Amino acid sequence: MSKNFAWQSSATPPDFRALQALPQIDLVATVRTVPERSEYALSASVRNPRPDAVAFFIRLKLLKPGVAATVDNRVLPTFYEDNYFSLLPGEEKTVTIRCAQEDAGGAEPELWVEGWNIRPKRVP
């Protein structure tokens, strides 16, 4: 089963300026990490607490622990059950994430959440 989410414009030509007006959202997120053999398996729950706004184009990423949030510090490769998703008001989603312990530098990786109208943050 698949779930698709699209932002459509009724204007011709298409006008997506309404995306700029979306309010910033502080997502509610938790993560549980379980070491499995030579991997880390993370279960991340993300919820949109706003009753009136879409959390658009949410992106999860893993970073090596204790390092600044830059491209060079991402844990690669990382395998996401889902990523770049949107949540309707009050909606929640759980995503499984896997990476090799060696690729994470041998320490439990940090999960970060960001998105189009999402305030970026580290998930505790």
PDB file of N, CA and C in Angstrom:
ATOM      1  N   MET A   1       0.840  -1.163   0.000  1.00  0.00           N
ATOM      2  CA  MET A   1       0.000   0.000   0.000  1.00  0.00           C
ATOM      3  C   MET A   1       0.892   1.235   0.000  1.00  0.00           C
ATOM      4  N   SER A   2       0.456   2.213  -0.720  1.00  0.00           N
ATOM      5  CA  SER A   2       1.219   3.444  -0.856  1.00  0.00           C
ATOM      6  C   SER A   2       0.389   4.624  -0.375  1.00  0.00           C
ATOM      7  N   LYS A   3       1.086   5.653   0.126  1.00  0.00           N
ATOM      8  CA  LYS A   3       0.419   6.886   0.517  1.00  0.00           C
ATOM      9  C   LYS A   3       1.105   8.027  -0.220  1.00  0.00           C
ATOM     10  N   ASN A   4       0.343   8.769  -0.984  1.00  0.00           N
ATOM     11  CA  ASN A   4       0.882   9.892  -1.737  1.00  0.00           C
ATOM     12  C   ASN A   4       0.272  11.192  -1.230  1.00  0.00           C
ATOM     13  N   PHE A   5       1.081  12.237  -1.239  1.00  0.00           N
ATOM     14  CA  PHE A   5       0.637  13.551  -0.791  1.00  0.00           C
ATOM     15  C   PHE A   5       1.147  14.553  -1.806  1.00  0.00           C
ATOM     16  N   ALA A   6       0.256  15.345  -2.366  1.00  0.00           N
ATOM     17  CA  ALA A   6       0.654  16.329  -3.368  1.00  0.00           C
ATOM     18  C   ALA A   6       0.034  17.679  -3.060  1.00  0.00           C
ATOM     19  N   TRP A   7       0.777  18.734  -3.338  1.00  0.00           N
ATOM     20  CA  TRP A   7       0.284  20.094  -3.189  1.00  0.00           C
ATOM     21  C   TRP A   7      -0.078  20.572  -4.582  1.00  0.00           C
ATOM     22  N   GLN A   8      -1.357  20.814  -4.817  1.00  0.00           N
ATOM     23  CA  GLN A   8      -1.802  21.204  -6.144  1.00  0.00           C
ATOM     24  C   GLN A   8      -2.230  22.663  -6.164  1.00  0.00           C
ATOM     25  N   SER A   9      -2.043  23.253  -7.305  1.00  0.00           N
ATOM     26  CA  SER A   9      -2.482  24.625  -7.517  1.00  0.00           C
ATOM     27  C   SER A   9      -3.675  24.612  -8.461  1.00  0.00           C
ATOM     28  N   SER A  10      -4.672  25.417  -8.146  1.00  0.00           N
ATOM     29  CA  SER A  10      -5.837  25.505  -9.027  1.00  0.00           C
ATOM     30  C   SER A  10      -5.650  26.605 -10.074  1.00  0.00           C
ATOM     31  N   ALA A  11      -4.549  27.345  -9.963  1.00  0.00           N
ATOM     32  CA  ALA A  11      -4.296  28.457 -10.888  1.00  0.00           C
ATOM     33  C   ALA A  11      -3.589  27.964 -12.153  1.00  0.00           C
ATOM     34  N   THR A  12      -3.757  28.729 -13.221  1.00  0.00           N
ATOM     35  CA  THR A  12      -3.031  28.465 -14.462  1.00  0.00           C
ATOM     36  C   THR A  12      -2.324  29.751 -14.865  1.00  0.00           C
ATOM     37  N   PRO A  13      -1.018  29.786 -14.946  1.00  0.00           N
ATOM     38  CA  PRO A  13      -0.091  28.705 -14.630  1.00  0.00           C
ATOM     39  C   PRO A  13      -0.078  28.428 -13.129  1.00  0.00           C
ATOM     40  N   PRO A  14       0.454  27.267 -12.727  1.00  0.00           N
ATOM     41  CA  PRO A  14       0.454  26.896 -11.305  1.00  0.00           C
ATOM     42  C   PRO A  14       1.103  27.965 -10.421  1.00  0.00           C
ATOM     43  N   ASP A  15       0.500  28.195  -9.267  1.00  0.00           N
ATOM     44  CA  ASP A  15       0.983  29.207  -8.320  1.00  0.00           C
ATOM     45  C   ASP A  15       1.147  28.544  -6.959  1.00  0.00           C
ATOM     46  N   PHE A  16       2.370  28.457  -6.490  1.00  0.00           N
ATOM     47  CA  PHE A  16       2.653  27.787  -5.221  1.00  0.00           C
ATOM     48  C   PHE A  16       3.083  28.763  -4.125  1.00  0.00           C
ATOM     49  N   ARG A  17       2.736  30.032  -4.279  1.00  0.00           N
ATOM     50  CA  ARG A  17       3.121  31.026  -3.273  1.00  0.00           C
ATOM     51  C   ARG A  17       2.510  30.750  -1.905  1.00  0.00           C
ATOM     52  N   ALA A  18       1.400  30.019  -1.845  1.00  0.00           N
ATOM     53  CA  ALA A  18       0.771  29.707  -0.559  1.00  0.00           C
ATOM     54  C   ALA A  18       1.706  28.886   0.332  1.00  0.00           C
ATOM     55  N   LEU A  19       2.636  28.166  -0.277  1.00  0.00           N
ATOM     56  CA  LEU A  19       3.613  27.411   0.522  1.00  0.00           C
ATOM     57  C   LEU A  19       4.451  28.349   1.389  1.00  0.00           C
ATOM     58  N   GLN A  20       4.709  29.557   0.895  1.00  0.00           N
ATOM     59  CA  GLN A  20       5.501  30.535   1.648  1.00  0.00           C
ATOM     60  C   GLN A  20       4.756  31.023   2.891  1.00  0.00           C
ATOM     61  N   ALA A  21       3.439  30.902   2.896  1.00  0.00           N
ATOM     62  CA  ALA A  21       2.629  31.395   4.013  1.00  0.00           C
ATOM     63  C   ALA A  21       2.400  30.350   5.103  1.00  0.00           C
ATOM     64  N   LEU A  22       2.875  29.130   4.892  1.00  0.00           N
ATOM     65  CA  LEU A  22       2.683  28.101   5.925  1.00  0.00           C
ATOM     66  C   LEU A  22       3.403  28.515   7.205  1.00  0.00           C
ATOM     67  N   PRO A  23       2.748  28.372   8.358  1.00  0.00           N
ATOM     68  CA  PRO A  23       3.397  28.745   9.611  1.00  0.00           C
ATOM     69  C   PRO A  23       4.492  27.755   9.977  1.00  0.00           C
ATOM     70  N   GLN A  24       5.506  28.245  10.699  1.00  0.00           N
ATOM     71  CA  GLN A  24       6.579  27.383  11.196  1.00  0.00           C
ATOM     72  C   GLN A  24       6.017  26.449  12.268  1.00  0.00           C
ATOM     73  N   ILE A  25       6.460  25.208  12.240  1.00  0.00           N
ATOM     74  CA  ILE A  25       5.943  24.191  13.161  1.00  0.00           C
ATOM     75  C   ILE A  25       7.086  23.563  13.947  1.00  0.00           C
ATOM     76  N   ASP A  26       6.881  23.412  15.242  1.00  0.00           N
ATOM     77  CA  ASP A  26       7.777  22.645  16.105  1.00  0.00           C
ATOM     78  C   ASP A  26       7.175  21.258  16.231  1.00  0.00           C
ATOM     79  N   LEU A  27       7.712  20.311  15.481  1.00  0.00           N
ATOM     80  CA  LEU A  27       7.187  18.946  15.535  1.00  0.00           C
ATOM     81  C   LEU A  27       7.481  18.319  16.889  1.00  0.00           C
ATOM     82  N   VAL A  28       6.631  17.399  17.292  1.00  0.00           N
ATOM     83  CA  VAL A  28       6.862  16.591  18.482  1.00  0.00           C
ATOM     84  C   VAL A  28       7.461  15.286  17.975  1.00  0.00           C
ATOM     85  N   ALA A  29       8.664  14.971  18.423  1.00  0.00           N
ATOM     86  CA  ALA A  29       9.341  13.787  17.898  1.00  0.00           C
ATOM     87  C   ALA A  29      10.076  13.055  19.008  1.00  0.00           C
ATOM     88  N   THR A  30      10.110  11.726  18.892  1.00  0.00           N
ATOM     89  CA  THR A  30      10.872  10.884  19.803  1.00  0.00           C
ATOM     90  C   THR A  30      11.593   9.831  18.974  1.00  0.00           C
ATOM     91  N   VAL A  31      12.654   9.294  19.534  1.00  0.00           N
ATOM     92  CA  VAL A  31      13.389   8.242  18.844  1.00  0.00           C
ATOM     93  C   VAL A  31      13.845   7.198  19.860  1.00  0.00           C
ATOM     94  N   ARG A  32      13.795   5.958  19.437  1.00  0.00           N
ATOM     95  CA  ARG A  32      14.297   4.840  20.246  1.00  0.00           C
ATOM     96  C   ARG A  32      15.303   4.107  19.375  1.00  0.00           C
ATOM     97  N   THR A  33      16.513   3.903  19.919  1.00  0.00           N
ATOM     98  CA  THR A  33      17.580   3.253  19.168  1.00  0.00           C
ATOM     99  C   THR A  33      17.880   1.899  19.782  1.00  0.00           C
ATOM    100  N   VAL A  34      17.972   0.874  18.920  1.00  0.00           N
ATOM    101  CA  VAL A  34      18.285  -0.480  19.360  1.00  0.00           C
ATOM    102  C   VAL A  34      19.474  -0.980  18.539  1.00  0.00           C
ATOM    103  N   PRO A  35      20.609  -1.280  19.208  1.00  0.00           N
ATOM    104  CA  PRO A  35      21.715  -1.887  18.468  1.00  0.00           C
ATOM    105  C   PRO A  35      21.344  -3.323  18.081  1.00  0.00           C
ATOM    106  N   GLU A  36      21.533  -3.672  16.828  1.00  0.00           N
ATOM    107  CA  GLU A  36      21.263  -5.018  16.322  1.00  0.00           C
ATOM    108  C   GLU A  36      22.486  -5.494  15.568  1.00  0.00           C
ATOM    109  N   ARG A  37      23.189  -6.459  16.125  1.00  0.00           N
ATOM    110  CA  ARG A  37      24.435  -6.965  15.536  1.00  0.00           C
ATOM    111  C   ARG A  37      25.356  -5.812  15.186  1.00  0.00           C
ATOM    112  N   SER A  38      25.569  -5.543  13.917  1.00  0.00           N
ATOM    113  CA  SER A  38      26.475  -4.467  13.515  1.00  0.00           C
ATOM    114  C   SER A  38      25.718  -3.230  13.030  1.00  0.00           C
ATOM    115  N   GLU A  39      24.411  -3.156  13.329  1.00  0.00           N
ATOM    116  CA  GLU A  39      23.567  -2.041  12.883  1.00  0.00           C
ATOM    117  C   GLU A  39      22.948  -1.302  14.056  1.00  0.00           C
ATOM    118  N   TYR A  40      22.509  -0.100  13.784  1.00  0.00           N
ATOM    119  CA  TYR A  40      21.594   0.614  14.666  1.00  0.00           C
ATOM    120  C   TYR A  40      20.240   0.617  13.976  1.00  0.00           C
ATOM    121  N   ALA A  41      19.204   0.232  14.706  1.00  0.00           N
ATOM    122  CA  ALA A  41      17.829   0.322  14.210  1.00  0.00           C
ATOM    123  C   ALA A  41      17.126   1.387  15.051  1.00  0.00           C
ATOM    124  N   LEU A  42      16.633   2.426  14.403  1.00  0.00           N
ATOM    125  CA  LEU A  42      15.969   3.515  15.101  1.00  0.00           C
ATOM    126  C   LEU A  42      14.496   3.524  14.741  1.00  0.00           C
ATOM    127  N   SER A  43      13.663   3.760  15.737  1.00  0.00           N
ATOM    128  CA  SER A  43      12.236   3.924  15.521  1.00  0.00           C
ATOM    129  C   SER A  43      11.898   5.361  15.899  1.00  0.00           C
ATOM    130  N   ALA A  44      11.584   6.161  14.891  1.00  0.00           N
ATOM    131  CA  ALA A  44      11.312   7.583  15.104  1.00  0.00           C
ATOM    132  C   ALA A  44       9.822   7.851  14.955  1.00  0.00           C
ATOM    133  N   SER A  45       9.235   8.505  15.948  1.00  0.00           N
ATOM    134  CA  SER A  45       7.837   8.933  15.875  1.00  0.00           C
ATOM    135  C   SER A  45       7.814  10.446  15.743  1.00  0.00           C
ATOM    136  N   VAL A  46       7.054  10.917  14.763  1.00  0.00           N
ATOM    137  CA  VAL A  46       6.971  12.349  14.479  1.00  0.00           C
ATOM    138  C   VAL A  46       5.496  12.718  14.435  1.00  0.00           C
ATOM    139  N   ARG A  47       5.132  13.790  15.168  1.00  0.00           N
ATOM    140  CA  ARG A  47       3.731  14.226  15.208  1.00  0.00           C
ATOM    141  C   ARG A  47       3.640  15.719  14.935  1.00  0.00           C
ATOM    142  N   ASN A  48       2.631  16.079  14.146  1.00  0.00           N
ATOM    143  CA  ASN A  48       2.327  17.482  13.892  1.00  0.00           C
ATOM    144  C   ASN A  48       1.338  17.934  14.965  1.00  0.00           C
ATOM    145  N   PRO A  49       1.768  18.776  15.920  1.00  0.00           N
ATOM    146  CA  PRO A  49       0.874  19.183  17.004  1.00  0.00           C
ATOM    147  C   PRO A  49      -0.113  20.285  16.623  1.00  0.00           C
ATOM    148  N   ARG A  50       0.088  20.910  15.470  1.00  0.00           N
ATOM    149  CA  ARG A  50      -0.775  22.024  15.077  1.00  0.00           C
ATOM    150  C   ARG A  50      -2.129  21.513  14.610  1.00  0.00           C
ATOM    151  N   PRO A  51      -3.228  22.127  15.090  1.00  0.00           N
ATOM    152  CA  PRO A  51      -4.558  21.721  14.649  1.00  0.00           C
ATOM    153  C   PRO A  51      -4.987  22.422  13.357  1.00  0.00           C
ATOM    154  N   ASP A  52      -4.126  23.343  12.866  1.00  0.00           N
ATOM    155  CA  ASP A  52      -4.557  24.206  11.767  1.00  0.00           C
ATOM    156  C   ASP A  52      -3.560  24.325  10.621  1.00  0.00           C
ATOM    157  N   ALA A  53      -2.502  23.491  10.607  1.00  0.00           N
ATOM    158  CA  ALA A  53      -1.485  23.668   9.573  1.00  0.00           C
ATOM    159  C   ALA A  53      -0.855  22.330   9.179  1.00  0.00           C
ATOM    160  N   VAL A  54      -0.471  22.253   7.926  1.00  0.00           N
ATOM    161  CA  VAL A  54       0.228  21.087   7.395  1.00  0.00           C
ATOM    162  C   VAL A  54       1.720  21.221   7.691  1.00  0.00           C
ATOM    163  N   ALA A  55       2.326  20.135   8.147  1.00  0.00           N
ATOM    164  CA  ALA A  55       3.789  20.063   8.284  1.00  0.00           C
ATOM    165  C   ALA A  55       4.285  19.506   6.955  1.00  0.00           C
ATOM    166  N   PHE A  56       4.909  20.357   6.163  1.00  0.00           N
ATOM    167  CA  PHE A  56       5.176  20.026   4.760  1.00  0.00           C
ATOM    168  C   PHE A  56       6.616  19.597   4.525  1.00  0.00           C
ATOM    169  N   PHE A  57       6.753  18.502   3.816  1.00  0.00           N
ATOM    170  CA  PHE A  57       8.025  18.002   3.302  1.00  0.00           C
ATOM    171  C   PHE A  57       9.051  17.788   4.422  1.00  0.00           C
ATOM    172  N   ILE A  58       8.679  16.988   5.399  1.00  0.00           N
ATOM    173  CA  ILE A  58       9.524  16.679   6.547  1.00  0.00           C
ATOM    174  C   ILE A  58      10.669  15.772   6.112  1.00  0.00           C
ATOM    175  N   ARG A  59      11.854  16.093   6.589  1.00  0.00           N
ATOM    176  CA  ARG A  59      13.044  15.296   6.280  1.00  0.00           C
ATOM    177  C   ARG A  59      13.708  14.857   7.572  1.00  0.00           C
ATOM    178  N   LEU A  60      13.993  13.575   7.676  1.00  0.00           N
ATOM    179  CA  LEU A  60      14.754  13.024   8.791  1.00  0.00           C
ATOM    180  C   LEU A  60      16.184  12.800   8.317  1.00  0.00           C
ATOM    181  N   LYS A  61      17.151  12.997   9.224  1.00  0.00           N
ATOM    182  CA  LYS A  61      18.538  12.693   8.867  1.00  0.00           C
ATOM    183  C   LYS A  61      19.303  12.261  10.108  1.00  0.00           C
ATOM    184  N   LEU A  62      20.276  11.382   9.891  1.00  0.00           N
ATOM    185  CA  LEU A  62      21.136  10.910  10.968  1.00  0.00           C
ATOM    186  C   LEU A  62      22.488  11.593  10.871  1.00  0.00           C
ATOM    187  N   LEU A  63      22.978  12.067  12.022  1.00  0.00           N
ATOM    188  CA  LEU A  63      24.303  12.676  12.092  1.00  0.00           C
ATOM    189  C   LEU A  63      25.159  11.917  13.088  1.00  0.00           C
ATOM    190  N   LYS A  64      26.455  11.953  12.845  1.00  0.00           N
ATOM    191  CA  LYS A  64      27.382  11.365  13.803  1.00  0.00           C
ATOM    192  C   LYS A  64      27.276  12.166  15.098  1.00  0.00           C
ATOM    193  N   PRO A  65      27.290  11.491  16.243  1.00  0.00           N
ATOM    194  CA  PRO A  65      27.035  12.183  17.516  1.00  0.00           C
ATOM    195  C   PRO A  65      28.089  13.228  17.864  1.00  0.00           C
ATOM    196  N   GLY A  66      27.588  14.323  18.467  1.00  0.00           N
ATOM    197  CA  GLY A  66      28.462  15.359  18.983  1.00  0.00           C
ATOM    198  C   GLY A  66      29.165  16.187  17.928  1.00  0.00           C
ATOM    199  N   VAL A  67      28.696  16.132  16.680  1.00  0.00           N
ATOM    200  CA  VAL A  67      29.335  16.866  15.592  1.00  0.00           C
ATOM    201  C   VAL A  67      28.324  17.861  15.029  1.00  0.00           C
ATOM    202  N   ALA A  68      28.800  18.986  14.564  1.00  0.00           N
ATOM    203  CA  ALA A  68      27.907  20.009  14.009  1.00  0.00           C
ATOM    204  C   ALA A  68      27.084  19.444  12.856  1.00  0.00           C
ATOM    205  N   ALA A  69      25.892  19.986  12.673  1.00  0.00           N
ATOM    206  CA  ALA A  69      24.950  19.510  11.650  1.00  0.00           C
ATOM    207  C   ALA A  69      25.357  20.004  10.267  1.00  0.00           C
ATOM    208  N   THR A  70      26.255  19.287   9.617  1.00  0.00           N
ATOM    209  CA  THR A  70      26.654  19.624   8.256  1.00  0.00           C
ATOM    210  C   THR A  70      26.535  18.388   7.382  1.00  0.00           C
ATOM    211  N   VAL A  71      26.588  18.577   6.086  1.00  0.00           N
ATOM    212  CA  VAL A  71      26.500  17.462   5.146  1.00  0.00           C
ATOM    213  C   VAL A  71      27.604  16.442   5.417  1.00  0.00           C
ATOM    214  N   ASP A  72      28.800  16.919   5.732  1.00  0.00           N
ATOM    215  CA  ASP A  72      29.934  16.019   5.936  1.00  0.00           C
ATOM    216  C   ASP A  72      29.776  15.114   7.149  1.00  0.00           C
ATOM    217  N   ASN A  73      28.877  15.445   8.045  1.00  0.00           N
ATOM    218  CA  ASN A  73      28.726  14.674   9.272  1.00  0.00           C
ATOM    219  C   ASN A  73      27.518  13.753   9.251  1.00  0.00           C
ATOM    220  N   ARG A  74      26.872  13.627   8.105  1.00  0.00           N
ATOM    221  CA  ARG A  74      25.741  12.703   7.996  1.00  0.00           C
ATOM    222  C   ARG A  74      26.244  11.276   8.039  1.00  0.00           C
ATOM    223  N   VAL A  75      25.421  10.402   8.586  1.00  0.00           N
ATOM    224  CA  VAL A  75      25.717   8.974   8.582  1.00  0.00           C
ATOM    225  C   VAL A  75      25.257   8.441   7.229  1.00  0.00           C
ATOM    226  N   LEU A  76      26.219   7.960   6.438  1.00  0.00           N
ATOM    227  CA  LEU A  76      25.917   7.450   5.099  1.00  0.00           C
ATOM    228  C   LEU A  76      26.589   6.107   4.891  1.00  0.00           C
ATOM    229  N   PRO A  77      25.922   5.142   4.328  1.00  0.00           N
ATOM    230  CA  PRO A  77      24.521   5.203   3.928  1.00  0.00           C
ATOM    231  C   PRO A  77      23.592   5.001   5.124  1.00  0.00           C
ATOM    232  N   THR A  78      22.411   5.558   5.014  1.00  0.00           N
ATOM    233  CA  THR A  78      21.330   5.359   5.971  1.00  0.00           C
ATOM    234  C   THR A  78      20.099   4.951   5.183  1.00  0.00           C
ATOM    235  N   PHE A  79      19.344   4.002   5.731  1.00  0.00           N
ATOM    236  CA  PHE A  79      18.167   3.476   5.032  1.00  0.00           C
ATOM    237  C   PHE A  79      16.917   3.833   5.820  1.00  0.00           C
ATOM    238  N   TYR A  80      16.039   4.610   5.188  1.00  0.00           N
ATOM    239  CA  TYR A  80      14.816   5.115   5.810  1.00  0.00           C
ATOM    240  C   TYR A  80      13.619   4.358   5.251  1.00  0.00           C
ATOM    241  N   GLU A  81      12.737   3.929   6.134  1.00  0.00           N
ATOM    242  CA  GLU A  81      11.483   3.310   5.693  1.00  0.00           C
ATOM    243  C   GLU A  81      10.658   4.321   4.902  1.00  0.00           C
ATOM    244  N   ASP A  82      10.755   5.585   5.299  1.00  0.00           N
ATOM    245  CA  ASP A  82      10.076   6.688   4.605  1.00  0.00           C
ATOM    246  C   ASP A  82      10.839   7.962   4.949  1.00  0.00           C
ATOM    247  N   ASN A  83      10.791   8.940   4.065  1.00  0.00           N
ATOM    248  CA  ASN A  83      11.423  10.227   4.315  1.00  0.00           C
ATOM    249  C   ASN A  83      10.828  11.229   3.345  1.00  0.00           C
ATOM    250  N   TYR A  84      11.018  12.495   3.598  1.00  0.00           N
ATOM    251  CA  TYR A  84      10.416  13.564   2.804  1.00  0.00           C
ATOM    252  C   TYR A  84       8.900  13.348   2.722  1.00  0.00           C
ATOM    253  N   PHE A  85       8.256  13.391   3.867  1.00  0.00           N
ATOM    254  CA  PHE A  85       6.811  13.172   3.957  1.00  0.00           C
ATOM    255  C   PHE A  85       6.155  14.388   4.594  1.00  0.00           C
ATOM    256  N   SER A  86       4.838  14.467   4.475  1.00  0.00           N
ATOM    257  CA  SER A  86       4.069  15.560   5.065  1.00  0.00           C
ATOM    258  C   SER A  86       3.078  14.994   6.067  1.00  0.00           C
ATOM    259  N   LEU A  87       2.738  15.809   7.072  1.00  0.00           N
ATOM    260  CA  LEU A  87       1.755  15.396   8.076  1.00  0.00           C
ATOM    261  C   LEU A  87       0.636  16.419   8.136  1.00  0.00           C
ATOM    262  N   LEU A  88      -0.582  15.942   8.078  1.00  0.00           N
ATOM    263  CA  LEU A  88      -1.750  16.803   8.235  1.00  0.00           C
ATOM    264  C   LEU A  88      -1.874  17.219   9.698  1.00  0.00           C
ATOM    265  N   PRO A  89      -2.716  18.193  10.018  1.00  0.00           N
ATOM    266  CA  PRO A  89      -2.875  18.621  11.412  1.00  0.00           C
ATOM    267  C   PRO A  89      -3.186  17.444  12.335  1.00  0.00           C
ATOM    268  N   GLY A  90      -2.398  17.318  13.406  1.00  0.00           N
ATOM    269  CA  GLY A  90      -2.591  16.260  14.395  1.00  0.00           C
ATOM    270  C   GLY A  90      -2.097  14.884  13.984  1.00  0.00           C
ATOM    271  N   GLU A  91      -1.650  14.720  12.752  1.00  0.00           N
ATOM    272  CA  GLU A  91      -1.226  13.408  12.264  1.00  0.00           C
ATOM    273  C   GLU A  91       0.145  13.016  12.829  1.00  0.00           C
ATOM    274  N   GLU A  92       0.343  11.697  13.001  1.00  0.00           N
ATOM    275  CA  GLU A  92       1.600  11.152  13.519  1.00  0.00           C
ATOM    276  C   GLU A  92       2.070  10.025  12.616  1.00  0.00           C
ATOM    277  N   LYS A  93       3.388   9.869  12.539  1.00  0.00           N
ATOM    278  CA  LYS A  93       3.980   8.821  11.702  1.00  0.00           C
ATOM    279  C   LYS A  93       5.191   8.250  12.434  1.00  0.00           C
ATOM    280  N   THR A  94       5.367   6.925  12.311  1.00  0.00           N
ATOM    281  CA  THR A  94       6.547   6.258  12.846  1.00  0.00           C
ATOM    282  C   THR A  94       7.356   5.720  11.677  1.00  0.00           C
ATOM    283  N   VAL A  95       8.660   5.994  11.703  1.00  0.00           N
ATOM    284  CA  VAL A  95       9.563   5.609  10.623  1.00  0.00           C
ATOM    285  C   VAL A  95      10.706   4.788  11.207  1.00  0.00           C
ATOM    286  N   THR A  96      11.039   3.682  10.554  1.00  0.00           N
ATOM    287  CA  THR A  96      12.189   2.875  10.937  1.00  0.00           C
ATOM    288  C   THR A  96      13.387   3.314  10.102  1.00  0.00           C
ATOM    289  N   ILE A  97      14.526   3.467  10.780  1.00  0.00           N
ATOM    290  CA  ILE A  97      15.758   3.928  10.140  1.00  0.00           C
ATOM    291  C   ILE A  97      16.876   2.961  10.521  1.00  0.00           C
ATOM    292  N   ARG A  98      17.721   2.613   9.561  1.00  0.00           N
ATOM    293  CA  ARG A  98      18.827   1.683   9.824  1.00  0.00           C
ATOM    294  C   ARG A  98      20.136   2.234   9.260  1.00  0.00           C
ATOM    295  N   CYS A  99      21.204   1.977  10.018  1.00  0.00           N
ATOM    296  CA  CYS A  99      22.548   2.306   9.531  1.00  0.00           C
ATOM    297  C   CYS A  99      23.535   1.358  10.195  1.00  0.00           C
ATOM    298  N   ALA A 100      24.687   1.187   9.567  1.00  0.00           N
ATOM    299  CA  ALA A 100      25.750   0.368  10.149  1.00  0.00           C
ATOM    300  C   ALA A 100      26.387   1.138  11.301  1.00  0.00           C
ATOM    301  N   GLN A 101      26.686   0.437  12.390  1.00  0.00           N
ATOM    302  CA  GLN A 101      27.341   1.083  13.525  1.00  0.00           C
ATOM    303  C   GLN A 101      28.670   1.702  13.105  1.00  0.00           C
ATOM    304  N   GLU A 102      29.381   1.021  12.238  1.00  0.00           N
ATOM    305  CA  GLU A 102      30.674   1.520  11.753  1.00  0.00           C
ATOM    306  C   GLU A 102      30.510   2.851  11.021  1.00  0.00           C
ATOM    307  N   ASP A 103      29.449   2.983  10.216  1.00  0.00           N
ATOM    308  CA  ASP A 103      29.212   4.226   9.476  1.00  0.00           C
ATOM    309  C   ASP A 103      28.840   5.383  10.388  1.00  0.00           C
ATOM    310  N   ALA A 104      28.324   5.064  11.574  1.00  0.00           N
ATOM    311  CA  ALA A 104      27.960   6.104  12.551  1.00  0.00           C
ATOM    312  C   ALA A 104      29.139   6.456  13.449  1.00  0.00           C
ATOM    313  N   GLY A 105      30.304   5.923  13.144  1.00  0.00           N
ATOM    314  CA  GLY A 105      31.485   6.217  13.953  1.00  0.00           C
ATOM    315  C   GLY A 105      31.535   5.389  15.222  1.00  0.00           C
ATOM    316  N   GLY A 106      30.748   4.303  15.272  1.00  0.00           N
ATOM    317  CA  GLY A 106      30.768   3.418  16.434  1.00  0.00           C
ATOM    318  C   GLY A 106      29.968   3.918  17.620  1.00  0.00           C
ATOM    319  N   ALA A 107      29.256   5.031  17.471  1.00  0.00           N
ATOM    320  CA  ALA A 107      28.448   5.582  18.559  1.00  0.00           C
ATOM    321  C   ALA A 107      27.032   5.819  18.049  1.00  0.00           C
ATOM    322  N   GLU A 108      26.081   5.774  18.970  1.00  0.00           N
ATOM    323  CA  GLU A 108      24.672   5.960  18.596  1.00  0.00           C
ATOM    324  C   GLU A 108      24.474   7.287  17.861  1.00  0.00           C
ATOM    325  N   PRO A 109      23.909   7.251  16.655  1.00  0.00           N
ATOM    326  CA  PRO A 109      23.748   8.482  15.869  1.00  0.00           C
ATOM    327  C   PRO A 109      22.656   9.390  16.429  1.00  0.00           C
ATOM    328  N   GLU A 110      22.734  10.660  16.040  1.00  0.00           N
ATOM    329  CA  GLU A 110      21.710  11.643  16.423  1.00  0.00           C
ATOM    330  C   GLU A 110      20.704  11.765  15.291  1.00  0.00           C
ATOM    331  N   LEU A 111      19.430  11.822  15.655  1.00  0.00           N
ATOM    332  CA  LEU A 111      18.376  12.037  14.669  1.00  0.00           C
ATOM    333  C   LEU A 111      18.000  13.517  14.671  1.00  0.00           C
ATOM    334  N   TRP A 112      17.940  14.084  13.468  1.00  0.00           N
ATOM    335  CA  TRP A 112      17.503  15.465  13.282  1.00  0.00           C
ATOM    336  C   TRP A 112      16.268  15.470  12.406  1.00  0.00           C
ATOM    337  N   VAL A 113      15.385  16.437  12.641  1.00  0.00           N
ATOM    338  CA  VAL A 113      14.178  16.598  11.832  1.00  0.00           C
ATOM    339  C   VAL A 113      14.159  18.031  11.313  1.00  0.00           C
ATOM    340  N   GLU A 114      13.795  18.172  10.032  1.00  0.00           N
ATOM    341  CA  GLU A 114      13.700  19.480   9.404  1.00  0.00           C
ATOM    342  C   GLU A 114      12.652  19.386   8.310  1.00  0.00           C
ATOM    343  N   GLY A 115      12.394  20.463   7.627  1.00  0.00           N
ATOM    344  CA  GLY A 115      11.411  20.435   6.551  1.00  0.00           C
ATOM    345  C   GLY A 115      11.083  21.828   6.054  1.00  0.00           C
ATOM    346  N   TRP A 116      10.125  21.898   5.141  1.00  0.00           N
ATOM    347  CA  TRP A 116       9.766  23.160   4.493  1.00  0.00           C
ATOM    348  C   TRP A 116       9.386  24.224   5.521  1.00  0.00           C
ATOM    349  N   ASN A 117       8.437  23.897   6.379  1.00  0.00           N
ATOM    350  CA  ASN A 117       7.987  24.853   7.398  1.00  0.00           C
ATOM    351  C   ASN A 117       8.207  24.286   8.804  1.00  0.00           C
ATOM    352  N   ILE A 118       9.288  23.532   8.939  1.00  0.00           N
ATOM    353  CA  ILE A 118       9.623  22.862  10.195  1.00  0.00           C
ATOM    354  C   ILE A 118      10.835  23.542  10.814  1.00  0.00           C
ATOM    355  N   ARG A 119      10.756  23.843  12.104  1.00  0.00           N
ATOM    356  CA  ARG A 119      11.933  24.363  12.805  1.00  0.00           C
ATOM    357  C   ARG A 119      12.881  23.184  13.013  1.00  0.00           C
ATOM    358  N   PRO A 120      14.096  23.239  12.431  1.00  0.00           N
ATOM    359  CA  PRO A 120      15.031  22.120  12.560  1.00  0.00           C
ATOM    360  C   PRO A 120      15.412  21.900  14.017  1.00  0.00           C
ATOM    361  N   LYS A 121      15.541  20.619  14.391  1.00  0.00           N
ATOM    362  CA  LYS A 121      15.985  20.323  15.751  1.00  0.00           C
ATOM    363  C   LYS A 121      16.483  18.884  15.845  1.00  0.00           C
ATOM    364  N   ARG A 122      17.290  18.704  16.869  1.00  0.00           N
ATOM    365  CA  ARG A 122      17.745  17.353  17.224  1.00  0.00           C
ATOM    366  C   ARG A 122      16.648  16.678  18.022  1.00  0.00           C
ATOM    367  N   VAL A 123      16.392  15.411  17.722  1.00  0.00           N
ATOM    368  CA  VAL A 123      15.359  14.666  18.450  1.00  0.00           C
ATOM    369  C   VAL A 123      16.005  14.002  19.656  1.00  0.00           C
ATOM    370  N   PRO A 124      15.511  14.315  20.853  1.00  0.00           N
ATOM    371  CA  PRO A 124      16.116  13.717  22.068  1.00  0.00           C
ATOM    372  C   PRO A 124      15.830  12.229  22.195  1.00  0.00           C
TER     373      PRO A 124
END
